[in-house]
Protein backbone atom coordinates (compact mmCIF):
# COMPACT_ATOMS: atom_id res chain seq x y z
CA UNK A 1 30.35 -20.10 -51.61
CA UNK A 2 32.03 -18.18 -48.83
CA UNK A 3 29.85 -15.06 -49.11
CA UNK A 4 26.53 -16.91 -49.02
CA UNK A 5 27.77 -19.15 -46.21
CA UNK A 6 28.58 -15.97 -44.32
CA UNK A 7 25.06 -14.58 -44.86
CA UNK A 8 23.77 -17.87 -43.44
CA UNK A 9 25.20 -16.92 -40.04
CA UNK A 10 21.79 -15.29 -39.53
CA UNK A 11 19.07 -17.82 -40.26
CA UNK A 12 15.29 -17.77 -40.26
CA UNK A 13 15.37 -14.04 -41.11
CA UNK A 14 11.58 -13.97 -41.60
CA UNK A 15 10.72 -16.15 -38.61
CA UNK A 16 12.43 -16.51 -35.26
CA UNK A 17 15.86 -15.27 -36.38
CA UNK A 18 18.87 -17.25 -35.15
CA UNK A 19 22.18 -15.38 -34.80
CA UNK A 20 25.08 -17.80 -35.28
CA UNK A 21 27.85 -15.27 -34.53
CA UNK A 22 26.52 -13.72 -31.31
CA UNK A 23 29.96 -12.96 -29.85
CA UNK A 24 33.37 -11.94 -31.19
CA UNK A 25 34.71 -15.38 -30.24
CA UNK A 26 32.07 -17.10 -32.39
CA UNK A 27 33.10 -14.94 -35.36
CA UNK A 28 36.73 -15.99 -34.82
CA UNK A 29 35.57 -19.63 -34.80
CA UNK A 30 33.49 -19.19 -37.99
CA UNK A 31 36.36 -17.50 -39.81
CA UNK A 32 38.81 -20.25 -38.76
CA UNK A 33 36.49 -23.00 -39.98
CA UNK A 34 36.29 -21.19 -43.32
CA UNK A 35 40.04 -20.86 -43.78
CA UNK A 36 40.31 -17.26 -42.57
CA UNK A 37 41.93 -17.61 -39.16
CA UNK A 38 42.38 -14.33 -37.31
CA UNK A 39 44.26 -13.57 -34.10
CA UNK A 40 41.47 -11.75 -32.29
CA UNK A 41 38.15 -9.98 -32.74
CA UNK A 42 36.66 -6.95 -31.03
CA UNK A 43 33.03 -6.00 -30.58
CA UNK A 44 33.54 -3.33 -33.28
CA UNK A 45 34.91 -6.04 -35.63
CA UNK A 46 31.83 -8.15 -34.97
CA UNK A 47 29.55 -5.18 -35.72
CA UNK A 48 31.44 -4.53 -38.98
CA UNK A 49 31.16 -8.21 -39.92
CA UNK A 50 27.41 -8.18 -39.33
CA UNK A 51 27.14 -4.97 -41.37
CA UNK A 52 28.96 -6.69 -44.24
CA UNK A 53 26.81 -9.80 -43.85
CA UNK A 54 23.62 -7.76 -44.17
CA UNK A 55 25.00 -5.78 -47.13
CA UNK A 56 25.86 -9.01 -48.94
CA UNK A 57 22.42 -10.42 -48.14
CA UNK A 58 20.73 -7.27 -49.47
CA UNK A 59 22.79 -7.26 -52.67
CA UNK A 60 22.39 -11.01 -53.20
CA UNK A 61 18.63 -10.75 -52.65
CA UNK A 62 18.41 -7.88 -55.16
CA UNK A 63 20.40 -9.95 -57.65
CA UNK A 64 18.16 -12.99 -57.13
CA UNK A 65 14.98 -11.00 -57.79
CA UNK A 66 16.68 -9.00 -60.58
CA UNK A 67 16.30 -5.70 -58.77
CA UNK A 68 18.75 -2.80 -58.55
CA UNK A 69 21.52 -3.26 -56.02
CA UNK A 70 21.04 -1.08 -52.92
CA UNK A 71 23.66 1.71 -53.04
CA UNK A 72 24.40 1.38 -49.32
CA UNK A 73 25.07 -2.35 -49.68
CA UNK A 74 27.40 -1.77 -52.63
CA UNK A 75 29.29 0.86 -50.63
CA UNK A 76 29.76 -1.45 -47.61
CA UNK A 77 30.86 -4.42 -49.74
CA UNK A 78 33.32 -2.31 -51.72
CA UNK A 79 34.65 -0.62 -48.60
CA UNK A 80 35.29 -3.97 -46.88
CA UNK A 81 36.87 -5.36 -50.02
CA UNK A 82 39.51 -2.63 -50.24
CA UNK A 83 40.19 -2.35 -46.49
CA UNK A 84 41.84 -5.70 -45.96
CA UNK A 85 45.21 -7.12 -46.88
CA UNK A 86 44.72 -10.65 -48.08
CA UNK A 87 46.24 -12.50 -51.00
CA UNK A 88 45.28 -15.60 -52.92
CA UNK A 89 48.05 -18.21 -52.81
CA UNK A 90 48.39 -21.53 -54.58
CA UNK A 91 48.79 -24.68 -52.51
CA UNK A 92 50.91 -27.66 -53.62
CA UNK A 93 47.60 -29.47 -54.25
CA UNK A 94 46.65 -26.84 -56.89
CA UNK A 95 44.05 -25.18 -54.68
CA UNK A 96 43.57 -21.50 -54.01
CA UNK A 97 43.93 -20.53 -50.37
CA UNK A 98 43.72 -17.10 -48.74
CA UNK A 99 46.65 -15.72 -46.80
CA UNK A 100 45.82 -12.85 -44.50
CA UNK A 101 48.28 -10.13 -43.51
CA UNK A 102 50.87 -11.01 -40.91
CA UNK A 103 48.64 -9.37 -38.28
CA UNK A 104 45.66 -11.64 -39.24
CA UNK A 105 43.04 -8.96 -38.72
CA UNK A 106 39.28 -9.39 -39.01
CA UNK A 107 39.24 -6.67 -41.70
CA UNK A 108 41.53 -8.90 -43.80
CA UNK A 109 39.09 -11.79 -43.51
CA UNK A 110 36.13 -9.52 -44.29
CA UNK A 111 37.90 -8.32 -47.44
CA UNK A 112 38.06 -11.93 -48.67
CA UNK A 113 34.35 -12.43 -47.98
CA UNK A 114 33.52 -9.12 -49.71
CA UNK A 115 35.63 -10.09 -52.74
CA UNK A 116 33.80 -13.42 -52.93
CA UNK A 117 30.45 -11.59 -52.82
CA UNK A 118 31.58 -9.26 -55.60
CA UNK A 119 32.56 -12.22 -57.77
CA UNK A 120 29.19 -13.92 -57.27
CA UNK A 121 27.00 -10.83 -57.62
CA UNK A 122 28.92 -9.62 -60.68
CA UNK A 123 28.07 -12.89 -62.41
CA UNK A 124 31.67 -14.09 -62.71
CA UNK A 125 30.84 -17.63 -61.60
CA UNK A 126 28.79 -20.33 -63.25
CA UNK A 127 25.48 -20.33 -61.38
CA UNK A 128 22.78 -17.91 -60.28
CA UNK A 129 21.64 -16.21 -57.10
CA UNK A 130 18.37 -17.57 -55.71
CA UNK A 131 16.29 -17.23 -52.57
CA UNK A 132 15.27 -20.13 -50.36
CA UNK A 133 11.64 -21.10 -50.93
CA UNK A 134 11.04 -21.42 -47.18
CA UNK A 135 8.83 -18.46 -46.16
CA UNK A 136 10.64 -18.09 -42.83
CA UNK A 137 14.15 -18.42 -44.27
CA UNK A 138 14.43 -16.81 -47.71
CA UNK A 139 18.23 -17.01 -47.50
CA UNK A 140 20.18 -15.98 -50.56
CA UNK A 141 22.18 -18.87 -51.99
CA UNK A 142 24.20 -19.51 -55.12
CA UNK A 143 22.53 -22.19 -57.25
CA UNK A 144 25.07 -24.22 -59.19
CA UNK A 145 22.72 -27.10 -59.97
CA UNK A 146 22.66 -28.12 -63.62
CA UNK A 147 19.11 -26.84 -64.18
CA UNK A 148 19.48 -23.79 -61.88
CA UNK A 149 16.15 -24.70 -60.24
CA UNK A 150 17.23 -25.48 -56.67
CA UNK A 151 14.54 -24.34 -54.22
CA UNK A 152 16.16 -24.58 -50.79
CA UNK A 153 19.24 -23.00 -49.27
CA UNK A 154 19.91 -26.35 -47.62
CA UNK A 155 18.04 -29.58 -48.25
CA UNK A 156 18.93 -30.87 -44.77
CA UNK A 157 17.16 -28.00 -43.01
CA UNK A 158 14.68 -25.97 -45.03
CA UNK A 159 14.05 -28.63 -47.66
CA UNK A 160 13.37 -31.40 -45.17
CA UNK A 161 11.23 -29.08 -43.02
CA UNK A 162 9.04 -28.24 -46.03
CA UNK A 163 8.78 -31.88 -47.13
CA UNK A 164 7.77 -32.89 -43.60
CA UNK A 165 5.15 -30.11 -43.45
CA UNK A 166 3.66 -31.24 -46.81
CA UNK A 167 3.64 -34.87 -45.65
CA UNK A 168 1.92 -33.98 -42.35
CA UNK A 169 -0.67 -31.82 -44.15
CA UNK A 170 -1.41 -34.70 -46.54
CA UNK A 171 -1.74 -37.12 -43.61
CA UNK A 172 -4.25 -34.78 -41.90
CA UNK A 173 -6.35 -34.52 -45.09
CA UNK A 174 -6.47 -38.27 -45.67
CA UNK A 175 -6.26 -40.10 -42.34
CA UNK A 176 -5.56 -43.79 -42.57
CA UNK A 177 -8.51 -46.06 -42.01
CA UNK A 178 -7.86 -48.84 -39.63
């Protein structure tokens, strides 16, 4: 999901936070990798993107814990959604792709991310919002597993880290005799 991938550009929110879009150039790179290529990005664009990211995270977290959506987060998401000029287009391979305005502005890309967040939070997709079980991460992710019981935002990072911690704790409790 585009919106939850975007919120993952800040990881370990409850530990030693890692900012994955520290500069405007890194935001341009992230957008390009996610099919939203823009021509340039200013510091103000980066600040707006981070504001949207945090609004989506707040709304997704509220949804996951079945709490009321924060009014400020709703306002930011809606504002970003209507600001941009992007259109869904159909590719010859029957896929949806986003086409930004001819100017390819960051606000166009943010409108696509905001629209994706709205779709997820409004319950329009098959799945549910959940929070990563890692106490230092707690990232919001969209669980599309059949049972809707996924615990980790990413098995390769948080999941493996938790499995390794459990294994090491078990090894310390029952050292091998030799």
